[in-house]
N, C-alpha and C. Protein backbone atom coordinates (compact mmCIF):
# COMPACT_ATOMS: atom_id res chain seq x y z
N MET A 1 0.84 -1.18 0.00
CA MET A 1 0.00 0.00 0.00
C MET A 1 0.89 1.24 0.00
N SER A 2 0.66 2.14 -0.94
CA SER A 2 1.48 3.34 -1.02
C SER A 2 0.95 4.42 -0.08
N LYS A 3 1.88 5.18 0.43
CA LYS A 3 1.54 6.25 1.37
C LYS A 3 1.19 7.50 0.56
N GLU A 4 0.07 8.12 0.91
CA GLU A 4 -0.36 9.34 0.22
C GLU A 4 0.61 10.48 0.53
N SER A 5 0.98 11.19 -0.50
CA SER A 5 1.85 12.35 -0.34
C SER A 5 1.12 13.44 0.41
N ARG A 6 1.82 14.08 1.31
CA ARG A 6 1.24 15.19 2.06
C ARG A 6 1.90 16.50 1.65
N ASP A 7 2.59 16.47 0.52
CA ASP A 7 3.25 17.68 0.03
C ASP A 7 2.24 18.80 -0.20
N TYR A 8 1.02 18.45 -0.57
CA TYR A 8 0.02 19.49 -0.82
C TYR A 8 -0.25 20.32 0.43
N LEU A 9 -0.11 19.70 1.61
CA LEU A 9 -0.28 20.45 2.85
C LEU A 9 0.84 21.47 3.03
N GLU A 10 2.07 21.04 2.75
CA GLU A 10 3.20 21.96 2.83
C GLU A 10 3.04 23.09 1.82
N MET A 11 2.57 22.74 0.61
CA MET A 11 2.34 23.76 -0.41
C MET A 11 1.32 24.78 0.07
N SER A 12 0.25 24.31 0.68
CA SER A 12 -0.81 25.19 1.16
C SER A 12 -0.29 26.12 2.25
N PHE A 13 0.40 25.54 3.24
CA PHE A 13 0.92 26.35 4.34
C PHE A 13 1.95 27.37 3.84
N ARG A 14 2.81 26.92 2.93
CA ARG A 14 3.83 27.82 2.39
C ARG A 14 3.19 28.95 1.61
N SER A 15 2.16 28.66 0.83
CA SER A 15 1.52 29.72 0.05
C SER A 15 0.83 30.73 0.95
N VAL A 16 0.22 30.27 2.03
CA VAL A 16 -0.40 31.20 2.98
C VAL A 16 0.66 32.12 3.55
N ARG A 17 1.79 31.55 3.95
CA ARG A 17 2.88 32.35 4.51
C ARG A 17 3.41 33.36 3.49
N LEU A 18 3.56 32.91 2.25
CA LEU A 18 4.09 33.80 1.22
C LEU A 18 3.12 34.92 0.89
N PHE A 19 1.84 34.60 0.76
CA PHE A 19 0.83 35.64 0.51
C PHE A 19 0.76 36.61 1.67
N ALA A 20 0.87 36.09 2.89
CA ALA A 20 0.74 36.93 4.08
C ALA A 20 1.97 37.81 4.29
N ASP A 21 3.11 37.36 3.77
CA ASP A 21 4.36 38.09 3.98
C ASP A 21 4.27 39.52 3.50
N ASP A 22 3.93 39.70 2.22
CA ASP A 22 3.81 41.07 1.70
C ASP A 22 2.57 41.26 0.83
N GLY A 23 1.71 40.26 0.82
CA GLY A 23 0.46 40.37 0.08
C GLY A 23 0.59 40.09 -1.40
N THR A 24 1.80 39.76 -1.85
CA THR A 24 2.00 39.47 -3.28
C THR A 24 2.69 38.12 -3.44
N PHE A 25 2.72 37.66 -4.66
CA PHE A 25 3.29 36.36 -4.99
C PHE A 25 4.17 36.55 -6.20
N SER A 26 5.46 36.30 -6.06
CA SER A 26 6.42 36.52 -7.14
C SER A 26 6.71 35.22 -7.90
N HIS A 27 7.49 35.36 -8.95
CA HIS A 27 7.94 34.20 -9.72
C HIS A 27 8.70 33.25 -8.80
N ALA A 28 9.56 33.79 -7.94
CA ALA A 28 10.34 32.95 -7.02
C ALA A 28 9.42 32.22 -6.05
N ASN A 29 8.38 32.89 -5.57
CA ASN A 29 7.41 32.25 -4.67
C ASN A 29 6.71 31.10 -5.38
N LEU A 30 6.30 31.34 -6.60
CA LEU A 30 5.62 30.31 -7.38
C LEU A 30 6.55 29.12 -7.60
N GLN A 31 7.81 29.40 -7.92
CA GLN A 31 8.77 28.34 -8.14
C GLN A 31 8.96 27.51 -6.88
N GLU A 32 8.97 28.15 -5.73
CA GLU A 32 9.11 27.46 -4.45
C GLU A 32 7.97 26.44 -4.26
N ILE A 33 6.76 26.85 -4.58
CA ILE A 33 5.61 25.96 -4.44
C ILE A 33 5.66 24.83 -5.47
N ILE A 34 6.04 25.17 -6.69
CA ILE A 34 6.15 24.15 -7.75
C ILE A 34 7.22 23.12 -7.39
N ASP A 35 8.33 23.58 -6.82
CA ASP A 35 9.40 22.66 -6.43
C ASP A 35 8.90 21.63 -5.41
N ILE A 36 8.06 22.06 -4.49
CA ILE A 36 7.49 21.12 -3.52
C ILE A 36 6.65 20.08 -4.24
N ALA A 37 5.84 20.53 -5.19
CA ALA A 37 4.97 19.60 -5.93
C ALA A 37 5.79 18.59 -6.74
N LEU A 38 6.91 19.02 -7.26
CA LEU A 38 7.70 18.17 -8.16
C LEU A 38 8.75 17.32 -7.45
N ARG A 39 9.01 17.54 -6.20
CA ARG A 39 10.15 16.88 -5.56
C ARG A 39 10.04 15.36 -5.50
N ASP A 40 8.84 14.80 -5.51
CA ASP A 40 8.72 13.34 -5.52
C ASP A 40 8.51 12.79 -6.93
N GLY A 41 8.54 13.68 -7.92
CA GLY A 41 8.43 13.26 -9.30
C GLY A 41 7.01 13.09 -9.81
N VAL A 42 6.03 13.28 -8.93
CA VAL A 42 4.63 13.12 -9.30
C VAL A 42 3.84 14.30 -8.76
N VAL A 43 3.03 14.91 -9.62
CA VAL A 43 2.13 15.96 -9.16
C VAL A 43 0.74 15.33 -9.10
N ASP A 44 0.32 15.04 -7.88
CA ASP A 44 -0.96 14.33 -7.70
C ASP A 44 -2.13 15.31 -7.73
N ALA A 45 -3.32 14.77 -7.63
CA ALA A 45 -4.54 15.58 -7.73
C ALA A 45 -4.61 16.66 -6.65
N ASN A 46 -4.18 16.35 -5.43
CA ASN A 46 -4.19 17.34 -4.36
C ASN A 46 -3.23 18.49 -4.65
N GLU A 47 -2.06 18.16 -5.15
CA GLU A 47 -1.07 19.20 -5.48
C GLU A 47 -1.58 20.06 -6.63
N LYS A 48 -2.20 19.45 -7.61
CA LYS A 48 -2.77 20.22 -8.72
C LYS A 48 -3.87 21.16 -8.22
N ARG A 49 -4.68 20.67 -7.30
CA ARG A 49 -5.76 21.49 -6.74
C ARG A 49 -5.18 22.71 -6.01
N VAL A 50 -4.12 22.49 -5.24
CA VAL A 50 -3.49 23.60 -4.52
C VAL A 50 -2.89 24.60 -5.51
N LEU A 51 -2.22 24.09 -6.54
CA LEU A 51 -1.64 24.97 -7.56
C LEU A 51 -2.73 25.79 -8.25
N GLN A 52 -3.83 25.16 -8.60
CA GLN A 52 -4.93 25.88 -9.25
C GLN A 52 -5.51 26.94 -8.33
N ASN A 53 -5.60 26.63 -7.05
CA ASN A 53 -6.10 27.60 -6.08
C ASN A 53 -5.17 28.81 -5.99
N ILE A 54 -3.88 28.55 -5.94
CA ILE A 54 -2.89 29.64 -5.88
C ILE A 54 -2.98 30.49 -7.14
N ILE A 55 -3.00 29.85 -8.29
CA ILE A 55 -3.05 30.57 -9.56
C ILE A 55 -4.32 31.41 -9.63
N GLY A 56 -5.42 30.88 -9.13
CA GLY A 56 -6.67 31.61 -9.14
C GLY A 56 -6.66 32.86 -8.25
N ARG A 57 -5.75 32.92 -7.32
CA ARG A 57 -5.65 34.06 -6.40
C ARG A 57 -4.66 35.13 -6.87
N LEU A 58 -3.90 34.83 -7.91
CA LEU A 58 -2.92 35.79 -8.39
C LEU A 58 -3.62 37.01 -8.99
N THR A 59 -3.11 38.17 -8.67
CA THR A 59 -3.66 39.41 -9.22
C THR A 59 -3.04 39.71 -10.57
N ASP A 60 -3.61 40.67 -11.28
CA ASP A 60 -3.04 41.08 -12.56
C ASP A 60 -1.60 41.56 -12.40
N GLU A 61 -1.31 42.25 -11.31
CA GLU A 61 0.04 42.76 -11.06
C GLU A 61 1.04 41.62 -10.85
N GLU A 62 0.57 40.54 -10.26
CA GLU A 62 1.45 39.39 -10.01
C GLU A 62 1.65 38.54 -11.26
N MET A 63 0.75 38.67 -12.21
CA MET A 63 0.84 37.89 -13.44
C MET A 63 1.80 38.57 -14.44
N THR A 64 3.04 38.64 -14.02
CA THR A 64 4.07 39.23 -14.88
C THR A 64 4.39 38.27 -16.03
N ARG A 65 5.15 38.74 -16.98
CA ARG A 65 5.57 37.87 -18.08
C ARG A 65 6.30 36.63 -17.56
N GLU A 66 7.13 36.84 -16.54
CA GLU A 66 7.90 35.75 -15.96
C GLU A 66 6.97 34.70 -15.33
N VAL A 67 5.98 35.16 -14.59
CA VAL A 67 5.02 34.25 -13.96
C VAL A 67 4.19 33.54 -15.03
N LYS A 68 3.73 34.27 -16.03
CA LYS A 68 2.96 33.64 -17.11
C LYS A 68 3.77 32.58 -17.84
N ALA A 69 5.06 32.84 -18.06
CA ALA A 69 5.93 31.87 -18.71
C ALA A 69 6.09 30.62 -17.84
N LYS A 70 6.23 30.82 -16.55
CA LYS A 70 6.37 29.69 -15.62
C LYS A 70 5.09 28.85 -15.61
N LEU A 71 3.95 29.51 -15.63
CA LEU A 71 2.67 28.80 -15.64
C LEU A 71 2.49 28.02 -16.93
N GLU A 72 2.88 28.61 -18.04
CA GLU A 72 2.78 27.91 -19.33
C GLU A 72 3.69 26.69 -19.35
N SER A 73 4.89 26.84 -18.82
CA SER A 73 5.83 25.72 -18.73
C SER A 73 5.26 24.61 -17.85
N LEU A 74 4.66 24.99 -16.74
CA LEU A 74 4.07 24.02 -15.83
C LEU A 74 2.90 23.30 -16.50
N LYS A 75 2.08 24.05 -17.24
CA LYS A 75 0.93 23.46 -17.95
C LYS A 75 1.41 22.40 -18.94
N ILE A 76 2.47 22.70 -19.66
CA ILE A 76 3.02 21.75 -20.62
C ILE A 76 3.60 20.53 -19.89
N GLN A 77 4.29 20.79 -18.79
CA GLN A 77 4.91 19.72 -18.01
C GLN A 77 3.87 18.77 -17.43
N LEU A 78 2.75 19.30 -16.99
CA LEU A 78 1.73 18.48 -16.36
C LEU A 78 0.75 17.86 -17.35
N GLY A 79 0.82 18.33 -18.58
CA GLY A 79 -0.03 17.75 -19.61
C GLY A 79 -1.36 18.32 -19.68
């Protein structure tokens, strides 16, 4: 029996801390969350849900070219 990954919990807590820090989310912040999702080599449904939630909360100001490029790369990577 495989153990369910709890990385999505770390992703959630980290995103709350990052949003609360200065109220914004940078490319580096997004990369930090993505790295947690990718560290076991599998992005499961819970991790995808957390990522979608984070992306849904990004403001227009946070959606810089760099962030948009990272999101497009992630979309391709996840299929």
